[in-house]
Amino acid sequence: MNDAQKLQWLYDIECIKQLKARYCAFADQDYDPDGIASLFVEDGVWDGGPFGRHEGREAIREFFRGVSKVISFVDHYATNPLIEVNGDTATGRWDLWAPIVKEPEPIAVWIMGKYEEEYVRVGGRWMFKLLALDVRAFSPYDKGFAKERIGAL
């Protein structure tokens, strides 16, 4: 890989990291449905495992319109990115850790999981083609994930 290719590789990875950071920021702002949907290609897929699979930008937008009624607080921590770039496509894997307040009771919950993602460059901009979440724990704060790994979703 020559210096220009290395620079492009680094730039692409940083753009994908910024895409992920924007996703987390929109999610942490009451799951802004327009903001989140704007990060996906028209035929993109958001697959939240037990939270449902939504195909197409409009279906993603519609799903996120209702999420803030169920989750009144969240603070996403997406860490340990492993990003592989191949021209105008890329894949990524991230770890998720987030405190959540689940309604209507309210209940404090921890969520942990793994994101598997596919990205595509469209008009010079990286976008999500697929964002899939493998939920590893959804645990009430007071019990912890040692006693109750997956609580009521």
N, C-alpha and C. Protein backbone atom coordinates (compact mmCIF):
# COMPACT_ATOMS: atom_id res chain seq x y z
N MET A 1 0.85 -1.17 0.00
CA MET A 1 0.00 0.00 0.00
C MET A 1 0.91 1.24 0.00
N ASN A 2 0.69 2.12 -0.98
CA ASN A 2 1.50 3.34 -1.02
C ASN A 2 0.94 4.39 -0.06
N ASP A 3 1.63 5.51 0.06
CA ASP A 3 1.24 6.53 1.03
C ASP A 3 -0.15 7.10 0.75
N ALA A 4 -0.48 7.31 -0.51
CA ALA A 4 -1.81 7.84 -0.85
C ALA A 4 -2.90 6.85 -0.48
N GLN A 5 -2.66 5.57 -0.70
CA GLN A 5 -3.64 4.54 -0.33
C GLN A 5 -3.79 4.45 1.19
N LYS A 6 -2.68 4.56 1.90
CA LYS A 6 -2.74 4.54 3.36
C LYS A 6 -3.55 5.71 3.89
N LEU A 7 -3.33 6.88 3.31
CA LEU A 7 -4.06 8.06 3.74
C LEU A 7 -5.56 7.90 3.46
N GLN A 8 -5.91 7.37 2.29
CA GLN A 8 -7.32 7.14 1.96
C GLN A 8 -7.94 6.12 2.91
N TRP A 9 -7.19 5.07 3.22
CA TRP A 9 -7.66 4.04 4.15
C TRP A 9 -7.96 4.65 5.52
N LEU A 10 -7.02 5.46 6.03
CA LEU A 10 -7.24 6.12 7.32
C LEU A 10 -8.43 7.07 7.27
N TYR A 11 -8.56 7.81 6.19
CA TYR A 11 -9.67 8.76 6.03
C TYR A 11 -11.00 8.02 6.00
N ASP A 12 -11.07 6.93 5.26
CA ASP A 12 -12.30 6.14 5.18
C ASP A 12 -12.70 5.59 6.55
N ILE A 13 -11.74 5.07 7.28
CA ILE A 13 -12.03 4.53 8.61
C ILE A 13 -12.52 5.65 9.53
N GLU A 14 -11.89 6.80 9.48
CA GLU A 14 -12.34 7.91 10.33
C GLU A 14 -13.75 8.37 9.94
N CYS A 15 -14.05 8.39 8.66
CA CYS A 15 -15.41 8.76 8.22
C CYS A 15 -16.44 7.76 8.75
N ILE A 16 -16.10 6.48 8.74
CA ILE A 16 -17.01 5.46 9.25
C ILE A 16 -17.16 5.61 10.77
N LYS A 17 -16.10 5.93 11.46
CA LYS A 17 -16.20 6.18 12.91
C LYS A 17 -17.11 7.37 13.18
N GLN A 18 -17.02 8.40 12.36
CA GLN A 18 -17.89 9.57 12.51
C GLN A 18 -19.34 9.21 12.22
N LEU A 19 -19.57 8.35 11.24
CA LEU A 19 -20.92 7.86 10.94
C LEU A 19 -21.49 7.18 12.17
N LYS A 20 -20.71 6.31 12.80
CA LYS A 20 -21.17 5.61 14.00
C LYS A 20 -21.42 6.59 15.14
N ALA A 21 -20.56 7.57 15.30
CA ALA A 21 -20.74 8.57 16.36
C ALA A 21 -22.02 9.38 16.13
N ARG A 22 -22.32 9.70 14.87
CA ARG A 22 -23.58 10.42 14.57
C ARG A 22 -24.79 9.54 14.90
N TYR A 23 -24.71 8.25 14.57
CA TYR A 23 -25.79 7.33 14.92
C TYR A 23 -26.03 7.35 16.43
N CYS A 24 -24.96 7.21 17.21
CA CYS A 24 -25.10 7.19 18.67
C CYS A 24 -25.65 8.52 19.18
N ALA A 25 -25.19 9.63 18.62
CA ALA A 25 -25.67 10.94 19.05
C ALA A 25 -27.17 11.09 18.76
N PHE A 26 -27.62 10.69 17.58
CA PHE A 26 -29.05 10.76 17.25
C PHE A 26 -29.85 9.84 18.18
N ALA A 27 -29.32 8.66 18.47
CA ALA A 27 -30.02 7.74 19.37
C ALA A 27 -30.12 8.34 20.77
N ASP A 28 -29.07 8.99 21.21
CA ASP A 28 -29.06 9.58 22.55
C ASP A 28 -29.90 10.86 22.64
N GLN A 29 -30.34 11.37 21.49
CA GLN A 29 -31.23 12.54 21.45
C GLN A 29 -32.65 12.06 21.19
N ASP A 30 -33.17 11.24 22.08
CA ASP A 30 -34.54 10.72 21.99
C ASP A 30 -34.77 9.92 20.71
N TYR A 31 -33.75 9.23 20.26
CA TYR A 31 -33.86 8.41 19.05
C TYR A 31 -34.44 9.22 17.90
N ASP A 32 -33.77 10.31 17.56
CA ASP A 32 -34.18 11.21 16.48
C ASP A 32 -34.42 10.40 15.20
N PRO A 33 -35.69 10.19 14.81
CA PRO A 33 -35.97 9.29 13.69
C PRO A 33 -35.46 9.81 12.35
N ASP A 34 -35.54 11.11 12.14
CA ASP A 34 -35.06 11.67 10.87
C ASP A 34 -33.54 11.61 10.81
N GLY A 35 -32.89 11.92 11.92
CA GLY A 35 -31.44 11.86 11.96
C GLY A 35 -30.92 10.46 11.72
N ILE A 36 -31.49 9.49 12.43
CA ILE A 36 -31.04 8.10 12.26
C ILE A 36 -31.29 7.63 10.84
N ALA A 37 -32.48 7.87 10.32
CA ALA A 37 -32.81 7.41 8.96
C ALA A 37 -31.87 8.02 7.92
N SER A 38 -31.43 9.25 8.14
CA SER A 38 -30.57 9.93 7.16
C SER A 38 -29.21 9.27 7.03
N LEU A 39 -28.85 8.40 7.95
CA LEU A 39 -27.54 7.73 7.92
C LEU A 39 -27.56 6.44 7.11
N PHE A 40 -28.74 6.01 6.67
CA PHE A 40 -28.91 4.74 5.95
C PHE A 40 -29.16 5.00 4.47
N VAL A 41 -28.65 4.09 3.63
CA VAL A 41 -29.01 4.12 2.22
C VAL A 41 -30.50 3.79 2.10
N GLU A 42 -31.09 4.10 0.97
CA GLU A 42 -32.53 3.93 0.78
C GLU A 42 -33.02 2.52 1.13
N ASP A 43 -32.24 1.50 0.76
CA ASP A 43 -32.64 0.12 1.04
C ASP A 43 -31.90 -0.46 2.25
N GLY A 44 -31.43 0.41 3.13
CA GLY A 44 -30.69 -0.02 4.31
C GLY A 44 -31.54 -0.83 5.27
N VAL A 45 -30.86 -1.55 6.16
CA VAL A 45 -31.53 -2.42 7.13
C VAL A 45 -31.01 -2.10 8.52
N TRP A 46 -31.94 -1.93 9.46
CA TRP A 46 -31.62 -1.85 10.89
C TRP A 46 -32.21 -3.10 11.50
N ASP A 47 -31.34 -3.96 12.03
CA ASP A 47 -31.77 -5.23 12.63
C ASP A 47 -31.36 -5.22 14.09
N GLY A 48 -32.35 -5.00 14.96
CA GLY A 48 -32.10 -4.94 16.38
C GLY A 48 -32.34 -6.24 17.11
N GLY A 49 -32.33 -7.37 16.38
CA GLY A 49 -32.56 -8.66 17.02
C GLY A 49 -33.93 -8.67 17.68
N PRO A 50 -33.98 -8.77 19.01
CA PRO A 50 -35.28 -8.83 19.69
C PRO A 50 -36.09 -7.54 19.56
N PHE A 51 -35.46 -6.45 19.11
CA PHE A 51 -36.16 -5.19 18.93
C PHE A 51 -36.74 -5.05 17.52
N GLY A 52 -36.52 -6.05 16.69
CA GLY A 52 -37.12 -6.06 15.35
C GLY A 52 -36.14 -5.73 14.24
N ARG A 53 -36.56 -6.09 13.05
CA ARG A 53 -35.79 -5.84 11.82
C ARG A 53 -36.60 -4.90 10.95
N HIS A 54 -35.96 -3.84 10.47
CA HIS A 54 -36.66 -2.82 9.70
C HIS A 54 -35.87 -2.56 8.42
N GLU A 55 -36.53 -2.81 7.29
CA GLU A 55 -35.86 -2.74 5.99
C GLU A 55 -36.33 -1.52 5.22
N GLY A 56 -35.39 -0.70 4.80
CA GLY A 56 -35.68 0.51 4.05
C GLY A 56 -35.66 1.73 4.96
N ARG A 57 -35.19 2.84 4.41
CA ARG A 57 -35.04 4.07 5.19
C ARG A 57 -36.35 4.50 5.86
N GLU A 58 -37.46 4.40 5.15
CA GLU A 58 -38.74 4.84 5.73
C GLU A 58 -39.20 3.92 6.86
N ALA A 59 -38.97 2.64 6.74
CA ALA A 59 -39.31 1.70 7.82
C ALA A 59 -38.44 1.96 9.05
N ILE A 60 -37.19 2.30 8.83
CA ILE A 60 -36.29 2.63 9.94
C ILE A 60 -36.78 3.90 10.63
N ARG A 61 -37.11 4.91 9.83
CA ARG A 61 -37.62 6.16 10.39
C ARG A 61 -38.89 5.91 11.21
N GLU A 62 -39.80 5.13 10.67
CA GLU A 62 -41.07 4.85 11.35
C GLU A 62 -40.84 4.11 12.67
N PHE A 63 -39.94 3.14 12.67
CA PHE A 63 -39.63 2.41 13.90
C PHE A 63 -39.12 3.37 14.98
N PHE A 64 -38.17 4.23 14.61
CA PHE A 64 -37.57 5.10 15.61
C PHE A 64 -38.51 6.22 16.07
N ARG A 65 -39.58 6.47 15.36
CA ARG A 65 -40.57 7.45 15.83
C ARG A 65 -41.18 7.04 17.16
N GLY A 66 -41.27 5.75 17.42
CA GLY A 66 -41.90 5.29 18.66
C GLY A 66 -40.96 4.88 19.77
N VAL A 67 -39.67 4.82 19.51
CA VAL A 67 -38.74 4.27 20.50
C VAL A 67 -38.64 5.14 21.75
N SER A 68 -38.69 6.46 21.61
CA SER A 68 -38.52 7.32 22.78
C SER A 68 -39.69 7.20 23.76
N LYS A 69 -40.79 6.59 23.34
CA LYS A 69 -41.90 6.34 24.26
C LYS A 69 -41.60 5.13 25.15
N VAL A 70 -40.72 4.26 24.69
CA VAL A 70 -40.36 3.04 25.42
C VAL A 70 -39.04 3.22 26.17
N ILE A 71 -38.14 3.99 25.60
CA ILE A 71 -36.84 4.27 26.22
C ILE A 71 -36.73 5.78 26.39
N SER A 72 -36.81 6.24 27.64
CA SER A 72 -36.80 7.68 27.89
C SER A 72 -35.40 8.25 28.09
N PHE A 73 -34.42 7.38 28.27
CA PHE A 73 -33.03 7.81 28.42
C PHE A 73 -32.12 6.69 27.93
N VAL A 74 -31.07 7.09 27.22
CA VAL A 74 -30.03 6.14 26.81
C VAL A 74 -28.75 6.92 26.56
N ASP A 75 -27.63 6.29 26.81
CA ASP A 75 -26.33 6.89 26.53
C ASP A 75 -25.44 5.80 25.94
N HIS A 76 -25.31 5.80 24.62
CA HIS A 76 -24.57 4.76 23.90
C HIS A 76 -23.05 4.92 24.05
N TYR A 77 -22.39 3.81 24.28
CA TYR A 77 -20.94 3.73 24.22
C TYR A 77 -20.61 2.63 23.22
N ALA A 78 -20.19 3.03 22.02
CA ALA A 78 -19.78 2.10 20.98
C ALA A 78 -18.26 2.10 20.95
N THR A 79 -17.66 0.95 21.22
CA THR A 79 -16.21 0.88 21.39
C THR A 79 -15.61 -0.25 20.56
N ASN A 80 -14.28 -0.29 20.57
CA ASN A 80 -13.50 -1.37 19.95
C ASN A 80 -13.85 -1.61 18.48
N PRO A 81 -13.84 -0.57 17.65
CA PRO A 81 -14.20 -0.78 16.25
C PRO A 81 -13.16 -1.63 15.52
N LEU A 82 -13.67 -2.56 14.73
CA LEU A 82 -12.86 -3.32 13.77
C LEU A 82 -13.47 -3.03 12.40
N ILE A 83 -12.81 -2.24 11.60
CA ILE A 83 -13.35 -1.78 10.33
C ILE A 83 -12.46 -2.26 9.20
N GLU A 84 -13.09 -2.89 8.21
CA GLU A 84 -12.38 -3.36 7.02
C GLU A 84 -12.96 -2.63 5.81
N VAL A 85 -12.10 -1.92 5.08
CA VAL A 85 -12.53 -1.15 3.92
C VAL A 85 -12.09 -1.88 2.66
N ASN A 86 -13.01 -1.96 1.70
CA ASN A 86 -12.73 -2.57 0.41
C ASN A 86 -13.34 -1.69 -0.67
N GLY A 87 -12.59 -0.68 -1.09
CA GLY A 87 -13.10 0.25 -2.10
C GLY A 87 -14.23 1.09 -1.55
N ASP A 88 -15.40 0.97 -2.18
CA ASP A 88 -16.57 1.75 -1.77
C ASP A 88 -17.50 0.99 -0.84
N THR A 89 -17.03 -0.13 -0.30
CA THR A 89 -17.79 -0.87 0.70
C THR A 89 -16.89 -1.14 1.90
N ALA A 90 -17.52 -1.41 3.02
CA ALA A 90 -16.75 -1.70 4.23
C ALA A 90 -17.63 -2.48 5.19
N THR A 91 -16.98 -3.12 6.14
CA THR A 91 -17.69 -3.81 7.22
C THR A 91 -17.12 -3.31 8.55
N GLY A 92 -17.93 -3.43 9.58
CA GLY A 92 -17.47 -3.01 10.89
C GLY A 92 -18.08 -3.85 11.99
N ARG A 93 -17.35 -3.93 13.08
CA ARG A 93 -17.82 -4.62 14.28
C ARG A 93 -17.51 -3.71 15.45
N TRP A 94 -18.50 -3.51 16.32
CA TRP A 94 -18.37 -2.64 17.48
C TRP A 94 -18.95 -3.33 18.70
N ASP A 95 -18.46 -2.96 19.87
CA ASP A 95 -19.07 -3.38 21.13
C ASP A 95 -20.00 -2.27 21.60
N LEU A 96 -21.12 -2.64 22.19
CA LEU A 96 -22.08 -1.69 22.72
C LEU A 96 -22.22 -1.88 24.22
N TRP A 97 -22.27 -0.77 24.93
CA TRP A 97 -22.58 -0.72 26.35
C TRP A 97 -23.41 0.53 26.54
N ALA A 98 -24.58 0.42 27.16
CA ALA A 98 -25.41 1.61 27.35
C ALA A 98 -26.31 1.47 28.57
N PRO A 99 -26.36 2.51 29.39
CA PRO A 99 -27.39 2.57 30.41
C PRO A 99 -28.68 3.09 29.76
N ILE A 100 -29.80 2.54 30.20
CA ILE A 100 -31.10 2.85 29.61
C ILE A 100 -32.11 3.05 30.74
N VAL A 101 -33.07 3.92 30.50
CA VAL A 101 -34.26 3.97 31.35
C VAL A 101 -35.43 3.51 30.48
N LYS A 102 -35.99 2.37 30.87
CA LYS A 102 -37.08 1.74 30.13
C LYS A 102 -38.41 2.15 30.76
N GLU A 103 -39.33 2.52 29.93
CA GLU A 103 -40.66 2.95 30.38
C GLU A 103 -41.64 1.79 30.20
N PRO A 104 -42.80 1.82 30.84
CA PRO A 104 -43.41 2.96 31.52
C PRO A 104 -43.14 3.02 33.02
N GLU A 105 -42.39 2.11 33.60
CA GLU A 105 -42.33 2.03 35.07
C GLU A 105 -41.63 3.17 35.79
N PRO A 106 -40.60 3.73 35.58
CA PRO A 106 -39.41 3.45 34.77
C PRO A 106 -38.45 2.47 35.48
N ILE A 107 -37.62 1.81 34.67
CA ILE A 107 -36.65 0.83 35.16
C ILE A 107 -35.29 1.16 34.54
N ALA A 108 -34.24 1.17 35.37
CA ALA A 108 -32.88 1.34 34.86
C ALA A 108 -32.38 -0.01 34.37
N VAL A 109 -31.81 -0.02 33.18
CA VAL A 109 -31.36 -1.25 32.53
C VAL A 109 -29.99 -1.02 31.89
N TRP A 110 -29.18 -2.06 31.90
CA TRP A 110 -27.93 -2.09 31.13
C TRP A 110 -28.18 -2.88 29.86
N ILE A 111 -27.66 -2.40 28.74
CA ILE A 111 -27.66 -3.21 27.52
C ILE A 111 -26.21 -3.36 27.07
N MET A 112 -25.87 -4.59 26.68
CA MET A 112 -24.57 -4.88 26.10
C MET A 112 -24.79 -5.70 24.84
N GLY A 113 -23.97 -5.46 23.85
CA GLY A 113 -24.13 -6.21 22.63
C GLY A 113 -22.98 -6.00 21.67
N LYS A 114 -23.14 -6.61 20.52
CA LYS A 114 -22.17 -6.51 19.44
C LYS A 114 -22.89 -6.01 18.19
N TYR A 115 -22.35 -4.98 17.58
CA TYR A 115 -22.86 -4.49 16.30
C TYR A 115 -22.06 -5.14 15.18
N GLU A 116 -22.75 -5.62 14.17
CA GLU A 116 -22.14 -6.05 12.91
C GLU A 116 -22.73 -5.14 11.84
N GLU A 117 -21.87 -4.49 11.08
CA GLU A 117 -22.35 -3.46 10.17
C GLU A 117 -21.74 -3.58 8.78
N GLU A 118 -22.50 -3.10 7.81
CA GLU A 118 -22.03 -2.96 6.44
C GLU A 118 -22.24 -1.52 6.03
N TYR A 119 -21.25 -0.98 5.33
CA TYR A 119 -21.29 0.42 4.90
C TYR A 119 -21.06 0.48 3.40
N VAL A 120 -21.55 1.56 2.82
CA VAL A 120 -21.32 1.81 1.41
C VAL A 120 -21.07 3.31 1.23
N ARG A 121 -20.15 3.63 0.32
CA ARG A 121 -19.87 5.03 0.01
C ARG A 121 -20.81 5.46 -1.12
N VAL A 122 -21.59 6.49 -0.86
CA VAL A 122 -22.54 7.01 -1.84
C VAL A 122 -22.25 8.49 -2.02
N GLY A 123 -21.88 8.89 -3.23
CA GLY A 123 -21.58 10.29 -3.47
C GLY A 123 -20.50 10.84 -2.56
N GLY A 124 -19.51 10.02 -2.24
CA GLY A 124 -18.41 10.44 -1.39
C GLY A 124 -18.71 10.38 0.10
N ARG A 125 -19.90 9.91 0.47
CA ARG A 125 -20.32 9.87 1.88
C ARG A 125 -20.55 8.42 2.31
N TRP A 126 -19.99 8.02 3.45
CA TRP A 126 -20.22 6.68 3.98
C TRP A 126 -21.58 6.63 4.65
N MET A 127 -22.33 5.55 4.38
CA MET A 127 -23.66 5.36 4.94
C MET A 127 -23.82 3.90 5.37
N PHE A 128 -24.78 3.68 6.24
CA PHE A 128 -25.09 2.31 6.66
C PHE A 128 -25.89 1.60 5.57
N LYS A 129 -25.47 0.38 5.25
CA LYS A 129 -26.28 -0.53 4.45
C LYS A 129 -26.99 -1.49 5.39
N LEU A 130 -26.27 -1.90 6.44
CA LEU A 130 -26.81 -2.80 7.46
C LEU A 130 -26.23 -2.43 8.81
N LEU A 131 -27.09 -2.32 9.78
CA LEU A 131 -26.68 -2.20 11.18
C LEU A 131 -27.43 -3.30 11.91
N ALA A 132 -26.70 -4.29 12.42
CA ALA A 132 -27.31 -5.42 13.12
C ALA A 132 -26.76 -5.47 14.54
N LEU A 133 -27.65 -5.62 15.49
CA LEU A 133 -27.27 -5.68 16.90
C LEU A 133 -27.54 -7.06 17.45
N ASP A 134 -26.51 -7.67 18.02
CA ASP A 134 -26.63 -8.94 18.74
C ASP A 134 -26.64 -8.58 20.22
N VAL A 135 -27.82 -8.64 20.84
CA VAL A 135 -27.96 -8.27 22.24
C VAL A 135 -27.39 -9.39 23.11
N ARG A 136 -26.38 -9.07 23.91
CA ARG A 136 -25.73 -10.04 24.79
C ARG A 136 -26.28 -9.97 26.21
N ALA A 137 -26.75 -8.76 26.60
CA ALA A 137 -27.36 -8.59 27.92
C ALA A 137 -28.32 -7.42 27.86
N PHE A 138 -29.43 -7.58 28.53
CA PHE A 138 -30.42 -6.52 28.73
C PHE A 138 -30.90 -6.73 30.16
N SER A 139 -30.16 -6.13 31.09
CA SER A 139 -30.26 -6.51 32.50
C SER A 139 -30.73 -5.36 33.37
N PRO A 140 -31.67 -5.64 34.27
CA PRO A 140 -32.07 -4.61 35.23
C PRO A 140 -30.85 -4.16 36.05
N TYR A 141 -30.71 -2.87 36.20
CA TYR A 141 -29.58 -2.30 36.92
C TYR A 141 -29.45 -2.88 38.32
N ASP A 142 -30.57 -3.00 39.03
CA ASP A 142 -30.51 -3.44 40.42
C ASP A 142 -30.15 -4.92 40.57
N LYS A 143 -30.36 -5.71 39.53
CA LYS A 143 -30.01 -7.14 39.60
C LYS A 143 -28.65 -7.41 38.96
N GLY A 144 -28.34 -6.69 37.89
CA GLY A 144 -27.09 -6.90 37.19
C GLY A 144 -27.15 -8.07 36.23
N PHE A 145 -26.17 -8.13 35.34
CA PHE A 145 -26.17 -9.15 34.29
C PHE A 145 -25.72 -10.51 34.80
N ALA A 146 -25.16 -10.58 36.01
CA ALA A 146 -24.81 -11.89 36.57
C ALA A 146 -26.06 -12.65 37.02
N LYS A 147 -27.04 -11.92 37.51
CA LYS A 147 -28.27 -12.56 38.00
C LYS A 147 -29.37 -12.63 36.95
N GLU A 148 -29.44 -11.64 36.09
CA GLU A 148 -30.48 -11.64 35.05
C GLU A 148 -29.88 -11.09 33.76
N ARG A 149 -29.40 -12.00 32.92
CA ARG A 149 -28.70 -11.60 31.68
C ARG A 149 -29.64 -10.91 30.71
N ILE A 150 -30.77 -11.51 30.42
CA ILE A 150 -31.74 -10.91 29.50
C ILE A 150 -33.06 -10.77 30.23
N GLY A 151 -33.40 -9.53 30.56
CA GLY A 151 -34.67 -9.24 31.23
C GLY A 151 -35.76 -8.99 30.22
N ALA A 152 -36.87 -8.49 30.69
CA ALA A 152 -38.01 -8.20 29.81
C ALA A 152 -37.63 -7.10 28.83
N LEU A 153 -37.79 -7.40 27.54
CA LEU A 153 -37.52 -6.41 26.51
C LEU A 153 -38.78 -5.60 26.33
